[in-house]
Amino acid sequence: MARIRIKKGDTVQVITGKDRGVKGKVIEVIPEADRILVEGVNRIKKHTKVGQNNRGAKTGGIITTEASIHVSNVMVVDPDDGRPTRIGSRTETVEKRRPDGTTYSATRNVRVSKRTGKDLS
């Protein structure tokens, strides 16, 4: 199972399937199944049983919702030019501060757009 480089909140574009070309925001990442939920993509109709809540209001019926899509069918959109891009990583050194006020250096990985080389948030 490969590591998923897409995170919640990323803007992605569908590159294959019935919703090809559609851009949307990632709502949820499901890493154990290599799938993601994208806003406005792969919409399905779900039939739920009609019931009542405590106040007597009816619930249920036909609900339109997003279904998951495989992570290989989407690419992250580069924030600079709005085109899909692959994701790389860069290691950078940062200064961190301990609660007692002393500082130390640590490394962290930053996601980078392969198209422009700019950081992805």
PDB file of N, CA and C in Angstrom:
ATOM      1  N   MET A   1       0.850  -1.181   0.000  1.00  0.00           N
ATOM      2  CA  MET A   1       0.000   0.000   0.000  1.00  0.00           C
ATOM      3  C   MET A   1       0.893   1.242   0.000  1.00  0.00           C
ATOM      4  N   ALA A   2       0.709   2.096  -0.986  1.00  0.00           N
ATOM      5  CA  ALA A   2       1.519   3.298  -1.130  1.00  0.00           C
ATOM      6  C   ALA A   2       1.031   4.394  -0.183  1.00  0.00           C
ATOM      7  N   ARG A   3       1.922   5.325   0.100  1.00  0.00           N
ATOM      8  CA  ARG A   3       1.571   6.443   0.964  1.00  0.00           C
ATOM      9  C   ARG A   3       0.747   7.458   0.173  1.00  0.00           C
ATOM     10  N   ILE A   4      -0.308   7.961   0.786  1.00  0.00           N
ATOM     11  CA  ILE A   4      -1.155   8.965   0.132  1.00  0.00           C
ATOM     12  C   ILE A   4      -0.561  10.344   0.417  1.00  0.00           C
ATOM     13  N   ARG A   5      -0.286  11.090  -0.648  1.00  0.00           N
ATOM     14  CA  ARG A   5       0.313  12.415  -0.491  1.00  0.00           C
ATOM     15  C   ARG A   5      -0.732  13.524  -0.506  1.00  0.00           C
ATOM     16  N   ILE A   6      -1.995  13.159  -0.688  1.00  0.00           N
ATOM     17  CA  ILE A   6      -3.079  14.138  -0.717  1.00  0.00           C
ATOM     18  C   ILE A   6      -3.649  14.270   0.684  1.00  0.00           C
ATOM     19  N   LYS A   7      -3.939  15.508   1.095  1.00  0.00           N
ATOM     20  CA  LYS A   7      -4.443  15.761   2.436  1.00  0.00           C
ATOM     21  C   LYS A   7      -5.806  16.435   2.381  1.00  0.00           C
ATOM     22  N   LYS A   8      -6.502  16.379   3.496  1.00  0.00           N
ATOM     23  CA  LYS A   8      -7.796  17.047   3.624  1.00  0.00           C
ATOM     24  C   LYS A   8      -7.600  18.547   3.406  1.00  0.00           C
ATOM     25  N   GLY A   9      -8.468  19.136   2.588  1.00  0.00           N
ATOM     26  CA  GLY A   9      -8.381  20.565   2.307  1.00  0.00           C
ATOM     27  C   GLY A   9      -7.667  20.893   1.007  1.00  0.00           C
ATOM     28  N   ASP A  10      -6.952  19.934   0.405  1.00  0.00           N
ATOM     29  CA  ASP A  10      -6.290  20.168  -0.877  1.00  0.00           C
ATOM     30  C   ASP A  10      -7.330  20.344  -1.981  1.00  0.00           C
ATOM     31  N   THR A  11      -6.986  21.139  -2.984  1.00  0.00           N
ATOM     32  CA  THR A  11      -7.808  21.231  -4.176  1.00  0.00           C
ATOM     33  C   THR A  11      -7.240  20.245  -5.190  1.00  0.00           C
ATOM     34  N   VAL A  12      -8.110  19.365  -5.686  1.00  0.00           N
ATOM     35  CA  VAL A  12      -7.667  18.334  -6.626  1.00  0.00           C
ATOM     36  C   VAL A  12      -8.497  18.398  -7.897  1.00  0.00           C
ATOM     37  N   GLN A  13      -7.955  17.820  -8.974  1.00  0.00           N
ATOM     38  CA  GLN A  13      -8.666  17.721 -10.242  1.00  0.00           C
ATOM     39  C   GLN A  13      -8.755  16.257 -10.612  1.00  0.00           C
ATOM     40  N   VAL A  14      -9.942  15.822 -11.039  1.00  0.00           N
ATOM     41  CA  VAL A  14     -10.145  14.443 -11.456  1.00  0.00           C
ATOM     42  C   VAL A  14      -9.534  14.284 -12.841  1.00  0.00           C
ATOM     43  N   ILE A  15      -8.671  13.270 -13.000  1.00  0.00           N
ATOM     44  CA  ILE A  15      -7.975  13.098 -14.280  1.00  0.00           C
ATOM     45  C   ILE A  15      -8.544  11.959 -15.110  1.00  0.00           C
ATOM     46  N   THR A  16      -9.405  11.128 -14.539  1.00  0.00           N
ATOM     47  CA  THR A  16     -10.009  10.048 -15.296  1.00  0.00           C
ATOM     48  C   THR A  16     -11.355   9.682 -14.689  1.00  0.00           C
ATOM     49  N   GLY A  17     -12.224   9.077 -15.494  1.00  0.00           N
ATOM     50  CA  GLY A  17     -13.540   8.675 -15.012  1.00  0.00           C
ATOM     51  C   GLY A  17     -14.637   9.593 -15.507  1.00  0.00           C
ATOM     52  N   LYS A  18     -15.839   9.378 -14.979  1.00  0.00           N
ATOM     53  CA  LYS A  18     -16.996  10.133 -15.471  1.00  0.00           C
ATOM     54  C   LYS A  18     -16.955  11.611 -15.107  1.00  0.00           C
ATOM     55  N   ASP A  19     -16.226  11.969 -14.065  1.00  0.00           N
ATOM     56  CA  ASP A  19     -16.119  13.370 -13.645  1.00  0.00           C
ATOM     57  C   ASP A  19     -14.797  14.004 -14.067  1.00  0.00           C
ATOM     58  N   ARG A  20     -14.201  13.515 -15.133  1.00  0.00           N
ATOM     59  CA  ARG A  20     -12.905  14.000 -15.582  1.00  0.00           C
ATOM     60  C   ARG A  20     -12.915  15.507 -15.800  1.00  0.00           C
ATOM     61  N   GLY A  21     -11.873  16.193 -15.291  1.00  0.00           N
ATOM     62  CA  GLY A  21     -11.738  17.634 -15.465  1.00  0.00           C
ATOM     63  C   GLY A  21     -12.337  18.459 -14.355  1.00  0.00           C
ATOM     64  N   VAL A  22     -13.111  17.841 -13.457  1.00  0.00           N
ATOM     65  CA  VAL A  22     -13.772  18.575 -12.374  1.00  0.00           C
ATOM     66  C   VAL A  22     -12.775  18.829 -11.243  1.00  0.00           C
ATOM     67  N   LYS A  23     -12.780  20.065 -10.733  1.00  0.00           N
ATOM     68  CA  LYS A  23     -11.942  20.410  -9.591  1.00  0.00           C
ATOM     69  C   LYS A  23     -12.807  20.459  -8.341  1.00  0.00           C
ATOM     70  N   GLY A  24     -12.239  20.057  -7.217  1.00  0.00           N
ATOM     71  CA  GLY A  24     -12.970  20.097  -5.964  1.00  0.00           C
ATOM     72  C   GLY A  24     -12.030  20.012  -4.777  1.00  0.00           C
ATOM     73  N   LYS A  25     -12.576  20.271  -3.614  1.00  0.00           N
ATOM     74  CA  LYS A  25     -11.811  20.255  -2.370  1.00  0.00           C
ATOM     75  C   LYS A  25     -11.942  18.885  -1.713  1.00  0.00           C
ATOM     76  N   VAL A  26     -10.850  18.373  -1.147  1.00  0.00           N
ATOM     77  CA  VAL A  26     -10.872  17.073  -0.481  1.00  0.00           C
ATOM     78  C   VAL A  26     -11.582  17.222   0.855  1.00  0.00           C
ATOM     79  N   ILE A  27     -12.635  16.417   1.057  1.00  0.00           N
ATOM     80  CA  ILE A  27     -13.416  16.445   2.291  1.00  0.00           C
ATOM     81  C   ILE A  27     -12.843  15.473   3.317  1.00  0.00           C
ATOM     82  N   GLU A  28     -12.450  14.290   2.839  1.00  0.00           N
ATOM     83  CA  GLU A  28     -11.975  13.239   3.745  1.00  0.00           C
ATOM     84  C   GLU A  28     -10.987  12.347   3.004  1.00  0.00           C
ATOM     85  N   VAL A  29      -9.974  11.857   3.727  1.00  0.00           N
ATOM     86  CA  VAL A  29      -9.006  10.919   3.187  1.00  0.00           C
ATOM     87  C   VAL A  29      -9.179   9.598   3.920  1.00  0.00           C
ATOM     88  N   ILE A  30      -9.273   8.498   3.151  1.00  0.00           N
ATOM     89  CA  ILE A  30      -9.431   7.158   3.731  1.00  0.00           C
ATOM     90  C   ILE A  30      -8.188   6.354   3.337  1.00  0.00           C
ATOM     91  N   PRO A  31      -7.085   6.449   4.128  1.00  0.00           N
ATOM     92  CA  PRO A  31      -5.820   5.855   3.708  1.00  0.00           C
ATOM     93  C   PRO A  31      -5.820   4.324   3.640  1.00  0.00           C
ATOM     94  N   GLU A  32      -6.599   3.651   4.490  1.00  0.00           N
ATOM     95  CA  GLU A  32      -6.587   2.184   4.474  1.00  0.00           C
ATOM     96  C   GLU A  32      -7.198   1.616   3.196  1.00  0.00           C
ATOM     97  N   ALA A  33      -8.017   2.391   2.493  1.00  0.00           N
ATOM     98  CA  ALA A  33      -8.628   1.943   1.240  1.00  0.00           C
ATOM     99  C   ALA A  33      -8.069   2.683   0.029  1.00  0.00           C
ATOM    100  N   ASP A  34      -7.092   3.587   0.228  1.00  0.00           N
ATOM    101  CA  ASP A  34      -6.518   4.421  -0.841  1.00  0.00           C
ATOM    102  C   ASP A  34      -7.593   5.218  -1.570  1.00  0.00           C
ATOM    103  N   ARG A  35      -8.547   5.770  -0.836  1.00  0.00           N
ATOM    104  CA  ARG A  35      -9.651   6.516  -1.432  1.00  0.00           C
ATOM    105  C   ARG A  35      -9.796   7.870  -0.752  1.00  0.00           C
ATOM    106  N   ILE A  36     -10.441   8.805  -1.472  1.00  0.00           N
ATOM    107  CA  ILE A  36     -10.701  10.130  -0.921  1.00  0.00           C
ATOM    108  C   ILE A  36     -12.120  10.556  -1.289  1.00  0.00           C
ATOM    109  N   LEU A  37     -12.683  11.471  -0.496  1.00  0.00           N
ATOM    110  CA  LEU A  37     -13.975  12.094  -0.796  1.00  0.00           C
ATOM    111  C   LEU A  37     -13.693  13.500  -1.298  1.00  0.00           C
ATOM    112  N   VAL A  38     -14.215  13.821  -2.484  1.00  0.00           N
ATOM    113  CA  VAL A  38     -13.999  15.133  -3.077  1.00  0.00           C
ATOM    114  C   VAL A  38     -15.347  15.819  -3.228  1.00  0.00           C
ATOM    115  N   GLU A  39     -15.398  17.088  -2.853  1.00  0.00           N
ATOM    116  CA  GLU A  39     -16.616  17.871  -2.897  1.00  0.00           C
ATOM    117  C   GLU A  39     -17.107  18.028  -4.344  1.00  0.00           C
ATOM    118  N   GLY A  40     -18.347  17.591  -4.609  1.00  0.00           N
ATOM    119  CA  GLY A  40     -18.957  17.742  -5.916  1.00  0.00           C
ATOM    120  C   GLY A  40     -18.561  16.695  -6.948  1.00  0.00           C
ATOM    121  N   VAL A  41     -17.826  15.666  -6.539  1.00  0.00           N
ATOM    122  CA  VAL A  41     -17.358  14.631  -7.460  1.00  0.00           C
ATOM    123  C   VAL A  41     -17.943  13.287  -7.058  1.00  0.00           C
ATOM    124  N   ASN A  42     -18.325  12.473  -8.050  1.00  0.00           N
ATOM    125  CA  ASN A  42     -18.862  11.123  -7.831  1.00  0.00           C
ATOM    126  C   ASN A  42     -20.117  11.166  -6.961  1.00  0.00           C
ATOM    127  N   ARG A  43     -21.074  12.004  -7.343  1.00  0.00           N
ATOM    128  CA  ARG A  43     -22.320  12.159  -6.583  1.00  0.00           C
ATOM    129  C   ARG A  43     -23.214  10.946  -6.811  1.00  0.00           C
ATOM    130  N   ILE A  44     -23.788  10.432  -5.731  1.00  0.00           N
ATOM    131  CA  ILE A  44     -24.691   9.289  -5.809  1.00  0.00           C
ATOM    132  C   ILE A  44     -25.974   9.616  -5.070  1.00  0.00           C
ATOM    133  N   LYS A  45     -27.031   8.873  -5.394  1.00  0.00           N
ATOM    134  CA  LYS A  45     -28.292   9.021  -4.671  1.00  0.00           C
ATOM    135  C   LYS A  45     -28.390   7.877  -3.681  1.00  0.00           C
ATOM    136  N   LYS A  46     -28.644   8.204  -2.431  1.00  0.00           N
ATOM    137  CA  LYS A  46     -28.706   7.232  -1.354  1.00  0.00           C
ATOM    138  C   LYS A  46     -30.125   7.214  -0.811  1.00  0.00           C
ATOM    139  N   HIS A  47     -30.716   6.044  -0.743  1.00  0.00           N
ATOM    140  CA  HIS A  47     -32.075   5.903  -0.237  1.00  0.00           C
ATOM    141  C   HIS A  47     -32.012   5.545   1.242  1.00  0.00           C
ATOM    142  N   THR A  48     -32.602   6.397   2.087  1.00  0.00           N
ATOM    143  CA  THR A  48     -32.601   6.139   3.529  1.00  0.00           C
ATOM    144  C   THR A  48     -34.029   5.929   4.012  1.00  0.00           C
ATOM    145  N   LYS A  49     -34.128   5.104   5.030  1.00  0.00           N
ATOM    146  CA  LYS A  49     -35.442   4.753   5.568  1.00  0.00           C
ATOM    147  C   LYS A  49     -36.097   5.961   6.233  1.00  0.00           C
ATOM    148  N   VAL A  50     -37.390   6.142   6.008  1.00  0.00           N
ATOM    149  CA  VAL A  50     -38.127   7.264   6.587  1.00  0.00           C
ATOM    150  C   VAL A  50     -38.404   6.960   8.056  1.00  0.00           C
ATOM    151  N   GLY A  51     -38.128   7.934   8.895  1.00  0.00           N
ATOM    152  CA  GLY A  51     -38.374   7.787  10.330  1.00  0.00           C
ATOM    153  C   GLY A  51     -38.763   9.124  10.916  1.00  0.00           C
ATOM    154  N   GLN A  52     -38.842   9.183  12.241  1.00  0.00           N
ATOM    155  CA  GLN A  52     -39.169  10.433  12.921  1.00  0.00           C
ATOM    156  C   GLN A  52     -38.139  10.682  14.010  1.00  0.00           C
ATOM    157  N   ASN A  53     -37.842  11.966  14.220  1.00  0.00           N
ATOM    158  CA  ASN A  53     -36.989  12.290  15.362  1.00  0.00           C
ATOM    159  C   ASN A  53     -37.873  12.658  16.554  1.00  0.00           C
ATOM    160  N   ASN A  54     -37.273  13.141  17.618  1.00  0.00           N
ATOM    161  CA  ASN A  54     -38.012  13.415  18.861  1.00  0.00           C
ATOM    162  C   ASN A  54     -39.124  14.450  18.693  1.00  0.00           C
ATOM    163  N   ARG A  55     -38.934  15.391  17.819  1.00  0.00           N
ATOM    164  CA  ARG A  55     -39.914  16.472  17.664  1.00  0.00           C
ATOM    165  C   ARG A  55     -40.992  16.144  16.648  1.00  0.00           C
ATOM    166  N   GLY A  56     -40.926  14.975  16.037  1.00  0.00           N
ATOM    167  CA  GLY A  56     -41.956  14.570  15.098  1.00  0.00           C
ATOM    168  C   GLY A  56     -41.667  14.889  13.649  1.00  0.00           C
ATOM    169  N   ALA A  57     -40.497  15.446  13.352  1.00  0.00           N
ATOM    170  CA  ALA A  57     -40.152  15.769  11.970  1.00  0.00           C
ATOM    171  C   ALA A  57     -39.760  14.498  11.224  1.00  0.00           C
ATOM    172  N   LYS A  58     -40.130  14.428   9.968  1.00  0.00           N
ATOM    173  CA  LYS A  58     -39.811  13.266   9.143  1.00  0.00           C
ATOM    174  C   LYS A  58     -38.356  13.347   8.672  1.00  0.00           C
ATOM    175  N   THR A  59     -37.693  12.220   8.686  1.00  0.00           N
ATOM    176  CA  THR A  59     -36.333  12.129   8.158  1.00  0.00           C
ATOM    177  C   THR A  59     -36.305  11.023   7.115  1.00  0.00           C
ATOM    178  N   GLY A  60     -35.262  11.027   6.301  1.00  0.00           N
ATOM    179  CA  GLY A  60     -35.111   9.976   5.302  1.00  0.00           C
ATOM    180  C   GLY A  60     -35.527  10.422   3.928  1.00  0.00           C
ATOM    181  N   GLY A  61     -35.604   9.468   3.005  1.00  0.00           N
ATOM    182  CA  GLY A  61     -35.923   9.753   1.617  1.00  0.00           C
ATOM    183  C   GLY A  61     -34.690   9.558   0.764  1.00  0.00           C
ATOM    184  N   ILE A  62     -34.626  10.277  -0.335  1.00  0.00           N
ATOM    185  CA  ILE A  62     -33.497  10.165  -1.258  1.00  0.00           C
ATOM    186  C   ILE A  62     -32.540  11.326  -1.000  1.00  0.00           C
ATOM    187  N   ILE A  63     -31.294  10.984  -0.681  1.00  0.00           N
ATOM    188  CA  ILE A  63     -30.272  11.981  -0.369  1.00  0.00           C
ATOM    189  C   ILE A  63     -29.167  11.878  -1.412  1.00  0.00           C
ATOM    190  N   THR A  64     -28.735  13.005  -1.950  1.00  0.00           N
ATOM    191  CA  THR A  64     -27.606  13.032  -2.877  1.00  0.00           C
ATOM    192  C   THR A  64     -26.350  13.362  -2.095  1.00  0.00           C
ATOM    193  N   THR A  65     -25.340  12.504  -2.214  1.00  0.00           N
ATOM    194  CA  THR A  65     -24.105  12.677  -1.462  1.00  0.00           C
ATOM    195  C   THR A  65     -22.914  12.258  -2.304  1.00  0.00           C
ATOM    196  N   GLU A  66     -21.706  12.582  -1.852  1.00  0.00           N
ATOM    197  CA  GLU A  66     -20.491  12.195  -2.554  1.00  0.00           C
ATOM    198  C   GLU A  66     -20.065  10.790  -2.135  1.00  0.00           C
ATOM    199  N   ALA A  67     -19.604  10.008  -3.106  1.00  0.00           N
ATOM    200  CA  ALA A  67     -19.011   8.707  -2.826  1.00  0.00           C
ATOM    201  C   ALA A  67     -17.499   8.846  -2.988  1.00  0.00           C
ATOM    202  N   SER A  68     -16.757   7.922  -2.423  1.00  0.00           N
ATOM    203  CA  SER A  68     -15.300   8.020  -2.483  1.00  0.00           C
ATOM    204  C   SER A  68     -14.796   7.712  -3.887  1.00  0.00           C
ATOM    205  N   ILE A  69     -13.606   8.205  -4.182  1.00  0.00           N
ATOM    206  CA  ILE A  69     -12.948   7.998  -5.464  1.00  0.00           C
ATOM    207  C   ILE A  69     -11.525   7.555  -5.169  1.00  0.00           C
ATOM    208  N   HIS A  70     -10.961   6.698  -6.024  1.00  0.00           N
ATOM    209  CA  HIS A  70      -9.610   6.198  -5.775  1.00  0.00           C
ATOM    210  C   HIS A  70      -8.601   7.327  -5.946  1.00  0.00           C
ATOM    211  N   VAL A  71      -7.593   7.323  -5.100  1.00  0.00           N
ATOM    212  CA  VAL A  71      -6.623   8.407  -5.056  1.00  0.00           C
ATOM    213  C   VAL A  71      -5.818   8.505  -6.354  1.00  0.00           C
ATOM    214  N   SER A  72      -5.699   7.417  -7.110  1.00  0.00           N
ATOM    215  CA  SER A  72      -4.946   7.450  -8.360  1.00  0.00           C
ATOM    216  C   SER A  72      -5.693   8.195  -9.461  1.00  0.00           C
ATOM    217  N   ASN A  73      -6.971   8.493  -9.264  1.00  0.00           N
ATOM    218  CA  ASN A  73      -7.772   9.167 -10.281  1.00  0.00           C
ATOM    219  C   ASN A  73      -7.779  10.682 -10.141  1.00  0.00           C
ATOM    220  N   VAL A  74      -7.006  11.215  -9.204  1.00  0.00           N
ATOM    221  CA  VAL A  74      -6.965  12.660  -9.005  1.00  0.00           C
ATOM    222  C   VAL A  74      -5.521  13.145  -8.926  1.00  0.00           C
ATOM    223  N   MET A  75      -5.336  14.442  -9.201  1.00  0.00           N
ATOM    224  CA  MET A  75      -4.036  15.096  -9.040  1.00  0.00           C
ATOM    225  C   MET A  75      -4.259  16.413  -8.306  1.00  0.00           C
ATOM    226  N   VAL A  76      -3.302  16.791  -7.492  1.00  0.00           N
ATOM    227  CA  VAL A  76      -3.371  18.054  -6.763  1.00  0.00           C
ATOM    228  C   VAL A  76      -3.206  19.204  -7.740  1.00  0.00           C
ATOM    229  N   VAL A  77      -3.982  20.265  -7.526  1.00  0.00           N
ATOM    230  CA  VAL A  77      -3.919  21.451  -8.382  1.00  0.00           C
ATOM    231  C   VAL A  77      -2.877  22.409  -7.806  1.00  0.00           C
ATOM    232  N   ASP A  78      -1.974  22.866  -8.670  1.00  0.00           N
ATOM    233  CA  ASP A  78      -0.942  23.824  -8.273  1.00  0.00           C
ATOM    234  C   ASP A  78      -1.607  25.161  -7.970  1.00  0.00           C
ATOM    235  N   PRO A  79      -1.386  25.751  -6.797  1.00  0.00           N
ATOM    236  CA  PRO A  79      -2.060  27.010  -6.463  1.00  0.00           C
ATOM    237  C   PRO A  79      -1.621  28.190  -7.338  1.00  0.00           C
ATOM    238  N   ASP A  80      -0.433  28.120  -7.937  1.00  0.00           N
ATOM    239  CA  ASP A  80       0.044  29.236  -8.760  1.00  0.00           C
ATOM    240  C   ASP A  80      -0.639  29.321 -10.112  1.00  0.00           C
ATOM    241  N   ASP A  81      -0.675  28.196 -10.864  1.00  0.00           N
ATOM    242  CA  ASP A  81      -1.220  28.266 -12.212  1.00  0.00           C
ATOM    243  C   ASP A  81      -2.530  27.505 -12.400  1.00  0.00           C
ATOM    244  N   GLY A  82      -3.032  26.839 -11.364  1.00  0.00           N
ATOM    245  CA  GLY A  82      -4.321  26.170 -11.435  1.00  0.00           C
ATOM    246  C   GLY A  82      -4.325  24.906 -12.281  1.00  0.00           C
ATOM    247  N   ARG A  83      -3.155  24.354 -12.563  1.00  0.00           N
ATOM    248  CA  ARG A  83      -3.052  23.133 -13.348  1.00  0.00           C
ATOM    249  C   ARG A  83      -2.630  21.979 -12.452  1.00  0.00           C
ATOM    250  N   PRO A  84      -3.004  20.731 -12.815  1.00  0.00           N
ATOM    251  CA  PRO A  84      -2.628  19.597 -11.985  1.00  0.00           C
ATOM    252  C   PRO A  84      -1.117  19.380 -11.966  1.00  0.00           C
ATOM    253  N   THR A  85      -0.617  18.924 -10.825  1.00  0.00           N
ATOM    254  CA  THR A  85       0.818  18.725 -10.663  1.00  0.00           C
ATOM    255  C   THR A  85       1.085  17.509  -9.800  1.00  0.00           C
ATOM    256  N   ARG A  86       2.280  16.959  -9.935  1.00  0.00           N
ATOM    257  CA  ARG A  86       2.706  15.893  -9.041  1.00  0.00           C
ATOM    258  C   ARG A  86       3.281  16.527  -7.785  1.00  0.00           C
ATOM    259  N   ILE A  87       3.411  15.713  -6.737  1.00  0.00           N
ATOM    260  CA  ILE A  87       3.858  16.225  -5.447  1.00  0.00           C
ATOM    261  C   ILE A  87       5.214  15.636  -5.111  1.00  0.00           C
ATOM    262  N   GLY A  88       6.136  16.505  -4.723  1.00  0.00           N
ATOM    263  CA  GLY A  88       7.437  16.080  -4.232  1.00  0.00           C
ATOM    264  C   GLY A  88       7.581  16.515  -2.795  1.00  0.00           C
ATOM    265  N   SER A  89       8.732  16.237  -2.219  1.00  0.00           N
ATOM    266  CA  SER A  89       8.959  16.683  -0.842  1.00  0.00           C
ATOM    267  C   SER A  89      10.360  17.247  -0.709  1.00  0.00           C
ATOM    268  N   ARG A  90      10.507  18.155   0.242  1.00  0.00           N
ATOM    269  CA  ARG A  90      11.791  18.781   0.522  1.00  0.00           C
ATOM    270  C   ARG A  90      11.971  18.795   2.030  1.00  0.00           C
ATOM    271  N   THR A  91      13.169  18.536   2.488  1.00  0.00           N
ATOM    272  CA  THR A  91      13.463  18.569   3.914  1.00  0.00           C
ATOM    273  C   THR A  91      14.086  19.924   4.240  1.00  0.00           C
ATOM    274  N   GLU A  92      13.567  20.572   5.266  1.00  0.00           N
ATOM    275  CA  GLU A  92      14.140  21.851   5.678  1.00  0.00           C
ATOM    276  C   GLU A  92      14.408  21.836   7.171  1.00  0.00           C
ATOM    277  N   THR A  93      15.381  22.617   7.569  1.00  0.00           N
ATOM    278  CA  THR A  93      15.749  22.715   8.980  1.00  0.00           C
ATOM    279  C   THR A  93      15.056  23.922   9.591  1.00  0.00           C
ATOM    280  N   VAL A  94      14.449  23.713  10.763  1.00  0.00           N
ATOM    281  CA  VAL A  94      13.745  24.799  11.447  1.00  0.00           C
ATOM    282  C   VAL A  94      14.239  24.897  12.885  1.00  0.00           C
ATOM    283  N   GLU A  95      14.123  26.092  13.442  1.00  0.00           N
ATOM    284  CA  GLU A  95      14.460  26.313  14.852  1.00  0.00           C
ATOM    285  C   GLU A  95      13.201  26.137  15.685  1.00  0.00           C
ATOM    286  N   LYS A  96      13.299  25.313  16.715  1.00  0.00           N
ATOM    287  CA  LYS A  96      12.164  25.104  17.607  1.00  0.00           C
ATOM    288  C   LYS A  96      12.544  25.565  19.006  1.00  0.00           C
ATOM    289  N   ARG A  97      11.511  25.905  19.777  1.00  0.00           N
ATOM    290  CA  ARG A  97      11.737  26.418  21.123  1.00  0.00           C
ATOM    291  C   ARG A  97      11.117  25.478  22.142  1.00  0.00           C
ATOM    292  N   ARG A  98      11.883  25.160  23.173  1.00  0.00           N
ATOM    293  CA  ARG A  98      11.386  24.324  24.265  1.00  0.00           C
ATOM    294  C   ARG A  98      10.623  25.198  25.265  1.00  0.00           C
ATOM    295  N   PRO A  99       9.815  24.572  26.122  1.00  0.00           N
ATOM    296  CA  PRO A  99       9.069  25.359  27.120  1.00  0.00           C
ATOM    297  C   PRO A  99       9.965  26.178  28.051  1.00  0.00           C
ATOM    298  N   ASP A 100      11.204  25.710  28.287  1.00  0.00           N
ATOM    299  CA  ASP A 100      12.084  26.470  29.176  1.00  0.00           C
ATOM    300  C   ASP A 100      12.799  27.618  28.474  1.00  0.00           C
ATOM    301  N   GLY A 101      12.551  27.804  27.153  1.00  0.00           N
ATOM    302  CA  GLY A 101      13.094  28.943  26.425  1.00  0.00           C
ATOM    303  C   GLY A 101      14.296  28.620  25.560  1.00  0.00           C
ATOM    304  N   THR A 102      14.897  27.461  25.719  1.00  0.00           N
ATOM    305  CA  THR A 102      16.039  27.110  24.886  1.00  0.00           C
ATOM    306  C   THR A 102      15.563  26.692  23.493  1.00  0.00           C
ATOM    307  N   THR A 103      16.449  26.818  22.524  1.00  0.00           N
ATOM    308  CA  THR A 103      16.088  26.468  21.151  1.00  0.00           C
ATOM    309  C   THR A 103      16.931  25.292  20.671  1.00  0.00           C
ATOM    310  N   TYR A 104      16.406  24.604  19.657  1.00  0.00           N
ATOM    311  CA  TYR A 104      17.124  23.504  19.030  1.00  0.00           C
ATOM    312  C   TYR A 104      16.699  23.436  17.572  1.00  0.00           C
ATOM    313  N   SER A 105      17.513  22.783  16.763  1.00  0.00           N
ATOM    314  CA  SER A 105      17.152  22.676  15.345  1.00  0.00           C
ATOM    315  C   SER A 105      16.536  21.303  15.081  1.00  0.00           C
ATOM    316  N   ALA A 106      15.545  21.294  14.203  1.00  0.00           N
ATOM    317  CA  ALA A 106      14.863  20.065  13.834  1.00  0.00           C
ATOM    318  C   ALA A 106      14.591  20.104  12.335  1.00  0.00           C
ATOM    319  N   THR A 107      14.295  18.955  11.764  1.00  0.00           N
ATOM    320  CA  THR A 107      13.975  18.906  10.342  1.00  0.00           C
ATOM    321  C   THR A 107      12.504  18.576  10.165  1.00  0.00           C
ATOM    322  N   ARG A 108      11.936  19.045   9.065  1.00  0.00           N
ATOM    323  CA  ARG A 108      10.564  18.708   8.730  1.00  0.00           C
ATOM    324  C   ARG A 108      10.448  18.588   7.217  1.00  0.00           C
ATOM    325  N   ASN A 109       9.480  17.785   6.782  1.00  0.00           N
ATOM    326  CA  ASN A 109       9.239  17.596   5.366  1.00  0.00           C
ATOM    327  C   ASN A 109       8.175  18.578   4.894  1.00  0.00           C
ATOM    328  N   VAL A 110       8.403  19.170   3.732  1.00  0.00           N
ATOM    329  CA  VAL A 110       7.478  20.122   3.146  1.00  0.00           C
ATOM    330  C   VAL A 110       7.042  19.577   1.792  1.00  0.00           C
ATOM    331  N   ARG A 111       5.731  19.582   1.521  1.00  0.00           N
ATOM    332  CA  ARG A 111       5.238  19.146   0.211  1.00  0.00           C
ATOM    333  C   ARG A 111       5.490  20.245  -0.808  1.00  0.00           C
ATOM    334  N   VAL A 112       5.981  19.849  -1.988  1.00  0.00           N
ATOM    335  CA  VAL A 112       6.390  20.796  -3.017  1.00  0.00           C
ATOM    336  C   VAL A 112       5.732  20.414  -4.337  1.00  0.00           C
ATOM    337  N   SER A 113       5.312  21.407  -5.113  1.00  0.00           N
ATOM    338  CA  SER A 113       4.778  21.184  -6.449  1.00  0.00           C
ATOM    339  C   SER A 113       5.932  20.873  -7.390  1.00  0.00           C
ATOM    340  N   LYS A 114       5.830  19.768  -8.133  1.00  0.00           N
ATOM    341  CA  LYS A 114       6.879  19.407  -9.075  1.00  0.00           C
ATOM    342  C   LYS A 114       6.864  20.332 -10.296  1.00  0.00           C
ATOM    343  N   ARG A 115       5.717  20.945 -10.594  1.00  0.00           N
ATOM    344  CA  ARG A 115       5.603  21.814 -11.755  1.00  0.00           C
ATOM    345  C   ARG A 115       6.340  23.136 -11.547  1.00  0.00           C
ATOM    346  N   THR A 116       6.106  23.792 -10.417  1.00  0.00           N
ATOM    347  CA  THR A 116       6.667  25.119 -10.179  1.00  0.00           C
ATOM    348  C   THR A 116       7.726  25.150  -9.093  1.00  0.00           C
ATOM    349  N   GLY A 117       7.790  24.109  -8.266  1.00  0.00           N
ATOM    350  CA  GLY A 117       8.756  24.095  -7.168  1.00  0.00           C
ATOM    351  C   GLY A 117       8.299  24.855  -5.946  1.00  0.00           C
ATOM    352  N   LYS A 118       7.096  25.399  -5.964  1.00  0.00           N
ATOM    353  CA  LYS A 118       6.571  26.155  -4.823  1.00  0.00           C
ATOM    354  C   LYS A 118       6.000  25.213  -3.768  1.00  0.00           C
ATOM    355  N   ASP A 119       5.946  25.676  -2.528  1.00  0.00           N
ATOM    356  CA  ASP A 119       5.395  24.889  -1.427  1.00  0.00           C
ATOM    357  C   ASP A 119       3.891  24.743  -1.563  1.00  0.00           C
ATOM    358  N   LEU A 120       3.381  23.561  -1.199  1.00  0.00           N
ATOM    359  CA  LEU A 120       1.947  23.342  -1.100  1.00  0.00           C
ATOM    360  C   LEU A 120       1.575  23.464   0.357  1.00  0.00           C
ATOM    361  N   SER A 121       0.476  24.128   0.633  1.00  0.00           N
ATOM    362  CA  SER A 121       0.091  24.333   2.035  1.00  0.00           C
ATOM    363  C   SER A 121      -0.332  23.062   2.706  1.00  0.00           C
TER     364      SER A 121
END
